[in-house]
N, C-alpha and C. Protein backbone atom coordinates (compact mmCIF):
# COMPACT_ATOMS: atom_id res chain seq x y z
N MET A 1 86.22 63.57 96.82
CA MET A 1 86.44 64.42 97.95
C MET A 1 87.94 64.66 98.34
N LYS A 2 88.72 63.50 98.23
CA LYS A 2 90.07 63.59 98.69
C LYS A 2 90.91 64.54 97.66
N ARG A 3 90.43 64.61 96.38
CA ARG A 3 91.07 65.49 95.45
C ARG A 3 90.81 67.00 95.72
N ILE A 4 89.74 67.27 96.27
CA ILE A 4 89.20 68.47 96.48
C ILE A 4 89.97 69.26 97.60
N ILE A 5 90.36 68.70 98.51
CA ILE A 5 91.03 69.27 99.71
C ILE A 5 92.46 69.69 99.37
N PRO A 6 93.30 68.94 98.73
CA PRO A 6 94.58 69.46 98.35
C PRO A 6 94.32 70.65 97.33
N LEU A 7 93.34 70.62 96.52
CA LEU A 7 93.20 71.74 95.51
C LEU A 7 92.89 73.00 96.19
N VAL A 8 92.03 72.90 97.31
CA VAL A 8 91.71 73.98 98.04
C VAL A 8 92.88 74.50 98.90
N ALA A 9 93.70 73.73 99.33
CA ALA A 9 94.91 74.06 100.18
C ALA A 9 95.84 74.82 99.14
N LEU A 10 96.00 74.33 97.82
CA LEU A 10 96.90 74.91 96.89
C LEU A 10 96.38 76.30 96.55
N VAL A 11 95.16 76.45 96.42
CA VAL A 11 94.50 77.75 96.07
C VAL A 11 94.72 78.78 97.22
N ALA A 12 94.64 78.21 98.44
CA ALA A 12 94.75 79.08 99.66
C ALA A 12 96.21 79.57 99.73
N LEU A 13 97.18 78.61 99.42
CA LEU A 13 98.57 79.05 99.53
C LEU A 13 98.93 80.10 98.42
N ALA A 14 98.39 79.83 97.25
CA ALA A 14 98.65 80.66 96.12
C ALA A 14 98.12 82.08 96.39
N GLY A 15 97.12 82.25 97.00
CA GLY A 15 96.57 83.47 97.48
C GLY A 15 97.44 84.31 98.40
N CYS A 16 98.11 83.57 99.29
CA CYS A 16 98.95 84.20 100.27
C CYS A 16 100.17 84.83 99.70
N GLU A 17 100.63 84.45 98.60
CA GLU A 17 101.93 84.92 97.99
C GLU A 17 101.74 86.13 97.17
N GLN A 18 100.46 86.68 96.96
CA GLN A 18 100.39 87.88 96.21
C GLN A 18 100.77 89.03 96.93
N GLU A 19 101.48 89.90 96.17
CA GLU A 19 101.89 91.08 96.74
C GLU A 19 100.73 92.16 96.91
N VAL A 20 100.82 92.96 97.87
CA VAL A 20 99.80 93.99 98.03
C VAL A 20 100.42 95.28 97.82
N VAL A 21 99.89 95.98 96.77
CA VAL A 21 100.43 97.31 96.44
C VAL A 21 99.94 98.27 97.44
N PRO A 22 100.82 99.14 97.99
CA PRO A 22 100.45 100.18 99.06
C PRO A 22 99.46 101.19 98.52
N GLU A 23 98.60 101.62 99.25
CA GLU A 23 97.78 102.69 98.79
C GLU A 23 98.48 104.01 98.73
N ALA A 24 98.12 104.84 97.66
CA ALA A 24 98.86 106.07 97.42
C ALA A 24 98.29 107.06 98.46
N SER A 25 99.07 107.61 99.33
CA SER A 25 98.69 108.69 100.36
C SER A 25 99.89 109.60 100.52
N ALA A 26 99.81 110.59 101.29
CA ALA A 26 100.86 111.59 101.62
C ALA A 26 101.91 110.89 102.21
N ALA A 27 101.75 109.84 103.20
CA ALA A 27 102.78 109.18 103.89
C ALA A 27 103.43 108.23 102.89
N THR A 28 102.78 107.41 102.07
CA THR A 28 103.45 106.38 101.26
C THR A 28 104.11 107.03 99.97
N CYS A 29 103.67 108.16 99.59
CA CYS A 29 104.20 108.89 98.36
C CYS A 29 105.33 109.93 98.73
N ALA A 30 105.62 109.98 100.02
CA ALA A 30 106.77 110.89 100.29
C ALA A 30 108.00 110.19 99.82
N PRO A 31 109.00 110.96 99.42
CA PRO A 31 110.29 110.50 98.74
C PRO A 31 110.84 109.27 99.40
N ALA A 32 111.07 109.29 100.64
CA ALA A 32 111.74 108.16 101.35
C ALA A 32 110.85 107.04 101.46
N ALA A 33 109.64 107.25 101.76
CA ALA A 33 108.68 106.09 101.80
C ALA A 33 108.39 105.50 100.44
N PHE A 34 108.28 106.31 99.48
CA PHE A 34 108.14 105.90 98.03
C PHE A 34 109.27 104.97 97.56
N GLN A 35 110.52 105.30 97.95
CA GLN A 35 111.72 104.54 97.48
C GLN A 35 111.67 103.14 98.30
N GLN A 36 111.27 103.19 99.54
CA GLN A 36 111.18 101.91 100.41
C GLN A 36 110.13 101.00 99.69
N ALA A 37 109.07 101.60 99.43
CA ALA A 37 107.88 100.76 98.89
C ALA A 37 108.30 100.13 97.50
N ILE A 38 108.84 100.98 96.68
CA ILE A 38 109.27 100.47 95.43
C ILE A 38 110.24 99.37 95.39
N SER A 39 111.21 99.53 96.49
CA SER A 39 112.25 98.38 96.63
C SER A 39 111.71 97.12 97.20
N GLU A 40 110.50 97.32 97.97
CA GLU A 40 109.88 95.98 98.54
C GLU A 40 109.04 95.25 97.52
N LEU A 41 108.64 96.10 96.61
CA LEU A 41 107.70 95.35 95.54
C LEU A 41 108.57 94.53 94.54
N ARG A 42 108.25 93.22 94.41
CA ARG A 42 109.00 92.44 93.40
C ARG A 42 108.47 92.37 92.03
N ASN A 43 107.11 92.53 91.90
CA ASN A 43 106.53 92.54 90.60
C ASN A 43 106.57 93.84 89.76
N GLU A 44 107.01 93.86 88.66
CA GLU A 44 107.22 95.09 87.90
C GLU A 44 105.90 95.72 87.62
N ALA A 45 104.87 94.99 87.47
CA ALA A 45 103.52 95.60 87.20
C ALA A 45 103.02 96.29 88.41
N ASN A 46 103.35 95.68 89.69
CA ASN A 46 102.96 96.42 90.86
C ASN A 46 103.71 97.63 91.18
N ARG A 47 105.03 97.73 90.76
CA ARG A 47 105.84 98.87 90.73
C ARG A 47 105.21 100.01 89.99
N LYS A 48 104.89 99.65 88.73
CA LYS A 48 104.23 100.67 87.83
C LYS A 48 102.86 101.13 88.26
N ALA A 49 102.12 100.16 88.85
CA ALA A 49 100.86 100.71 89.45
C ALA A 49 100.98 101.57 90.60
N PHE A 50 102.02 101.36 91.50
CA PHE A 50 102.20 102.14 92.70
C PHE A 50 102.72 103.47 92.16
N THR A 51 103.61 103.43 91.24
CA THR A 51 104.25 104.75 90.68
C THR A 51 103.15 105.58 90.15
N GLN A 52 102.25 104.93 89.25
CA GLN A 52 101.20 105.71 88.71
C GLN A 52 100.25 106.24 89.70
N ALA A 53 99.83 105.43 90.73
CA ALA A 53 98.94 105.91 91.80
C ALA A 53 99.60 107.13 92.54
N CYS A 54 100.78 107.09 92.85
CA CYS A 54 101.47 108.21 93.52
C CYS A 54 101.45 109.41 92.54
N ARG A 55 101.72 109.25 91.32
CA ARG A 55 101.66 110.46 90.36
C ARG A 55 100.22 111.08 90.46
N SER A 56 99.26 110.25 90.33
CA SER A 56 97.90 110.69 90.32
C SER A 56 97.52 111.37 91.71
N PHE A 57 97.97 110.85 92.73
CA PHE A 57 97.77 111.44 94.11
C PHE A 57 98.51 112.80 94.09
N ASP A 58 99.64 112.95 93.72
CA ASP A 58 100.38 114.21 93.68
C ASP A 58 99.63 115.26 92.78
N LYS A 59 99.25 114.81 91.65
CA LYS A 59 98.61 115.78 90.73
C LYS A 59 97.29 116.24 91.28
N ALA A 60 96.59 115.33 91.84
CA ALA A 60 95.29 115.75 92.57
C ALA A 60 95.52 116.69 93.74
N ARG A 61 96.69 116.44 94.54
CA ARG A 61 96.96 117.28 95.59
C ARG A 61 97.31 118.77 95.01
N GLN A 62 98.05 118.78 93.99
CA GLN A 62 98.50 120.07 93.32
C GLN A 62 97.20 120.77 92.90
N MET A 63 96.30 120.14 92.35
CA MET A 63 95.14 120.82 91.84
C MET A 63 94.22 121.37 92.92
N ARG A 64 94.21 120.64 94.11
CA ARG A 64 93.36 121.07 95.21
C ARG A 64 94.02 122.19 96.03
N SER A 65 95.40 122.44 95.89
CA SER A 65 96.04 123.40 96.65
C SER A 65 96.02 124.79 95.86
N TRP A 66 95.75 125.84 96.52
CA TRP A 66 95.62 127.11 95.91
C TRP A 66 95.90 128.25 96.81
N GLU A 67 96.29 129.28 96.34
CA GLU A 67 96.58 130.38 97.23
C GLU A 67 95.87 131.54 96.80
N PHE A 68 95.22 132.35 97.73
CA PHE A 68 94.36 133.45 97.47
C PHE A 68 95.23 134.60 97.03
N LYS A 69 94.94 135.28 95.81
CA LYS A 69 95.59 136.34 95.37
C LYS A 69 94.57 137.38 95.20
N PRO A 70 94.55 138.43 95.97
CA PRO A 70 93.51 139.46 95.78
C PRO A 70 93.79 140.17 94.39
N SER A 71 92.66 140.62 93.81
CA SER A 71 92.74 141.29 92.53
C SER A 71 93.38 142.75 92.77
N SER A 72 93.79 143.32 91.79
CA SER A 72 94.33 144.62 91.96
C SER A 72 93.20 145.66 92.16
N PRO A 73 93.40 146.77 92.87
CA PRO A 73 92.36 147.68 93.20
C PRO A 73 91.94 148.47 91.94
N ASP A 74 90.76 148.67 91.99
CA ASP A 74 90.10 149.33 90.74
C ASP A 74 90.49 150.74 90.87
N ARG A 75 90.73 151.47 89.60
CA ARG A 75 91.09 152.86 89.75
C ARG A 75 90.05 153.70 88.80
N TYR A 76 88.94 153.56 89.27
CA TYR A 76 87.86 154.33 88.50
C TYR A 76 87.43 155.53 89.21
């Protein structure tokens, strides 16, 4: 039992040190916020994951945005 308690404490401390990758949104993927988030991430894998998430977010936003263009009038 005495060995289990330090092991549990070690696992709890190890879990606290993990970086949390910010969720991709309009606010976090804005140029200034993006640069700040990238500079705060220490792990290269987390940087790449956040960069890819922002690229996917921007691509999805571009696909959803559209502008109505009326067709040319018929000349029959």
